Amino acid sequence: AKTFTHNHTFRMPHFISSSRNYGRGRSLKRYYPESKYQLMMKNTYRMASEVDAACGRLIDELERQGVLNETLVVFTTDNGNFHGQHGLAEK
């Protein structure tokens, strides 16, 4: 049985679904078959968990030093990756 993602991806307009589309080609390499998609998503969540743990250690250290209340911690990010949505990868 085809997954929703697979079916959705192959209903996209030709200029997006074409393997010559850079993001589409990257998606096929990274997220197909479905088992590869699952592995890549697990890796993404592992990385996010590590960032979360590192931020927690930073805040703990600021608190230990007694400067947490005088410190501005700024979290910023980019627009993220497609993670295979719409048959695309990268940004």
C-alpha atoms as a PDB file:
ATOM      1  CA  ALA A   1       0.000   0.000   0.000  1.00  0.00           C
ATOM      2  CA  LYS A   2       1.195   3.478  -0.833  1.00  0.00           C
ATOM      3  CA  THR A   3       1.460   5.960   2.010  1.00  0.00           C
ATOM      4  CA  PHE A   4      -0.317   9.301   2.041  1.00  0.00           C
ATOM      5  CA  THR A   5       3.033  11.078   1.643  1.00  0.00           C
ATOM      6  CA  HIS A   6       3.953   8.958  -1.372  1.00  0.00           C
ATOM      7  CA  ASN A   7       0.586   9.498  -3.045  1.00  0.00           C
ATOM      8  CA  HIS A   8       0.615  13.224  -2.315  1.00  0.00           C
ATOM      9  CA  THR A   9       4.152  13.646  -3.612  1.00  0.00           C
ATOM     10  CA  PHE A  10       3.428  12.106  -6.989  1.00  0.00           C
ATOM     11  CA  ARG A  11       0.331  14.281  -7.532  1.00  0.00           C
ATOM     12  CA  MET A  12       2.475  17.447  -7.475  1.00  0.00           C
ATOM     13  CA  PRO A  13       2.932  19.557 -10.640  1.00  0.00           C
ATOM     14  CA  HIS A  14       5.692  18.351 -12.962  1.00  0.00           C
ATOM     15  CA  PHE A  15       8.071  21.229 -12.206  1.00  0.00           C
ATOM     16  CA  ILE A  16       8.042  20.155  -8.539  1.00  0.00           C
ATOM     17  CA  SER A  17       7.801  16.383  -8.940  1.00  0.00           C
ATOM     18  CA  SER A  18      10.525  16.202 -11.589  1.00  0.00           C
ATOM     19  CA  SER A  19      13.708  14.537 -10.335  1.00  0.00           C
ATOM     20  CA  ARG A  20      15.580  17.486 -11.882  1.00  0.00           C
ATOM     21  CA  ASN A  21      14.129  19.702  -9.153  1.00  0.00           C
ATOM     22  CA  TYR A  22      16.994  19.995  -6.622  1.00  0.00           C
ATOM     23  CA  GLY A  23      14.783  19.688  -3.536  1.00  0.00           C
ATOM     24  CA  ARG A  24      12.894  16.784  -5.067  1.00  0.00           C
ATOM     25  CA  GLY A  25      16.079  14.908  -5.887  1.00  0.00           C
ATOM     26  CA  ARG A  26      17.347  15.431  -2.342  1.00  0.00           C
ATOM     27  CA  SER A  27      14.033  14.208  -0.984  1.00  0.00           C
ATOM     28  CA  LEU A  28      14.225  10.967  -2.948  1.00  0.00           C
ATOM     29  CA  LYS A  29      17.758  10.319  -1.673  1.00  0.00           C
ATOM     30  CA  ARG A  30      16.923  11.101   1.949  1.00  0.00           C
ATOM     31  CA  TYR A  31      13.332  10.034   2.519  1.00  0.00           C
ATOM     32  CA  TYR A  32      12.512   7.075   0.283  1.00  0.00           C
ATOM     33  CA  PRO A  33      11.708   4.315   0.990  1.00  0.00           C
ATOM     34  CA  GLU A  34       9.500   4.931   4.018  1.00  0.00           C
ATOM     35  CA  SER A  35      11.994   3.189   6.343  1.00  0.00           C
ATOM     36  CA  LYS A  36      14.633   5.745   5.367  1.00  0.00           C
ATOM     37  CA  TYR A  37      12.164   8.551   6.092  1.00  0.00           C
ATOM     38  CA  GLN A  38      11.590   7.131   9.582  1.00  0.00           C
ATOM     39  CA  LEU A  39      15.349   6.982  10.240  1.00  0.00           C
ATOM     40  CA  MET A  40      15.914  10.553   9.039  1.00  0.00           C
ATOM     41  CA  MET A  41      13.074  11.873  11.199  1.00  0.00           C
ATOM     42  CA  LYS A  42      14.418  10.018  14.250  1.00  0.00           C
ATOM     43  CA  ASN A  43      17.801  11.634  13.618  1.00  0.00           C
ATOM     44  CA  THR A  44      16.163  15.061  13.367  1.00  0.00           C
ATOM     45  CA  TYR A  45      14.396  14.594  16.704  1.00  0.00           C
ATOM     46  CA  ARG A  46      17.614  13.278  18.290  1.00  0.00           C
ATOM     47  CA  MET A  47      19.391  16.446  17.200  1.00  0.00           C
ATOM     48  CA  ALA A  48      16.601  18.652  18.573  1.00  0.00           C
ATOM     49  CA  SER A  49      16.753  16.761  21.873  1.00  0.00           C
ATOM     50  CA  GLU A  50      20.507  17.359  22.082  1.00  0.00           C
ATOM     51  CA  VAL A  51      20.033  21.094  21.468  1.00  0.00           C
ATOM     52  CA  ASP A  52      17.367  21.132  24.193  1.00  0.00           C
ATOM     53  CA  ALA A  53      19.706  19.371  26.640  1.00  0.00           C
ATOM     54  CA  ALA A  54      22.575  21.773  25.814  1.00  0.00           C
ATOM     55  CA  CYS A  55      20.307  24.782  26.420  1.00  0.00           C
ATOM     56  CA  GLY A  56      19.290  23.293  29.751  1.00  0.00           C
ATOM     57  CA  ARG A  57      22.957  22.934  30.748  1.00  0.00           C
ATOM     58  CA  LEU A  58      23.585  26.559  29.740  1.00  0.00           C
ATOM     59  CA  ILE A  59      20.692  27.836  31.839  1.00  0.00           C
ATOM     60  CA  ASP A  60      21.770  25.667  34.785  1.00  0.00           C
ATOM     61  CA  GLU A  61      25.288  27.121  34.580  1.00  0.00           C
ATOM     62  CA  LEU A  62      23.987  30.692  34.409  1.00  0.00           C
ATOM     63  CA  GLU A  63      21.886  29.976  37.475  1.00  0.00           C
ATOM     64  CA  ARG A  64      24.861  28.361  39.271  1.00  0.00           C
ATOM     65  CA  GLN A  65      26.924  31.492  38.631  1.00  0.00           C
ATOM     66  CA  GLY A  66      24.103  33.683  39.926  1.00  0.00           C
ATOM     67  CA  VAL A  67      23.709  35.637  36.695  1.00  0.00           C
ATOM     68  CA  LEU A  68      20.606  34.045  35.234  1.00  0.00           C
ATOM     69  CA  ASN A  69      18.327  36.953  36.192  1.00  0.00           C
ATOM     70  CA  GLU A  70      20.707  39.451  34.561  1.00  0.00           C
ATOM     71  CA  THR A  71      21.158  37.421  31.392  1.00  0.00           C
ATOM     72  CA  LEU A  72      19.112  37.561  28.244  1.00  0.00           C
ATOM     73  CA  VAL A  73      19.085  34.217  26.479  1.00  0.00           C
ATOM     74  CA  VAL A  74      18.005  34.476  22.856  1.00  0.00           C
ATOM     75  CA  PHE A  75      16.999  31.436  20.825  1.00  0.00           C
ATOM     76  CA  THR A  76      16.871  31.825  17.087  1.00  0.00           C
ATOM     77  CA  THR A  77      16.566  29.481  14.153  1.00  0.00           C
ATOM     78  CA  ASP A  78      16.170  29.439  10.407  1.00  0.00           C
ATOM     79  CA  ASN A  79      13.089  28.355   8.521  1.00  0.00           C
ATOM     80  CA  GLY A  80      13.850  24.660   8.867  1.00  0.00           C
ATOM     81  CA  ASN A  81      13.826  21.857   6.359  1.00  0.00           C
ATOM     82  CA  PHE A  82      10.974  20.358   4.397  1.00  0.00           C
ATOM     83  CA  HIS A  83      11.688  16.833   5.798  1.00  0.00           C
ATOM     84  CA  GLY A  84      10.100  15.249   2.769  1.00  0.00           C
ATOM     85  CA  GLN A  85       6.853  17.204   2.950  1.00  0.00           C
ATOM     86  CA  HIS A  86       5.525  17.827  -0.553  1.00  0.00           C
ATOM     87  CA  GLY A  87       8.265  15.533  -1.834  1.00  0.00           C
ATOM     88  CA  LEU A  88      10.974  18.093  -1.103  1.00  0.00           C
ATOM     89  CA  ALA A  89      14.066  18.223   1.095  1.00  0.00           C
ATOM     90  CA  GLU A  90      16.358  20.995   2.242  1.00  0.00           C
ATOM     91  CA  LYS A  91      15.170  24.591   2.425  1.00  0.00           C
END
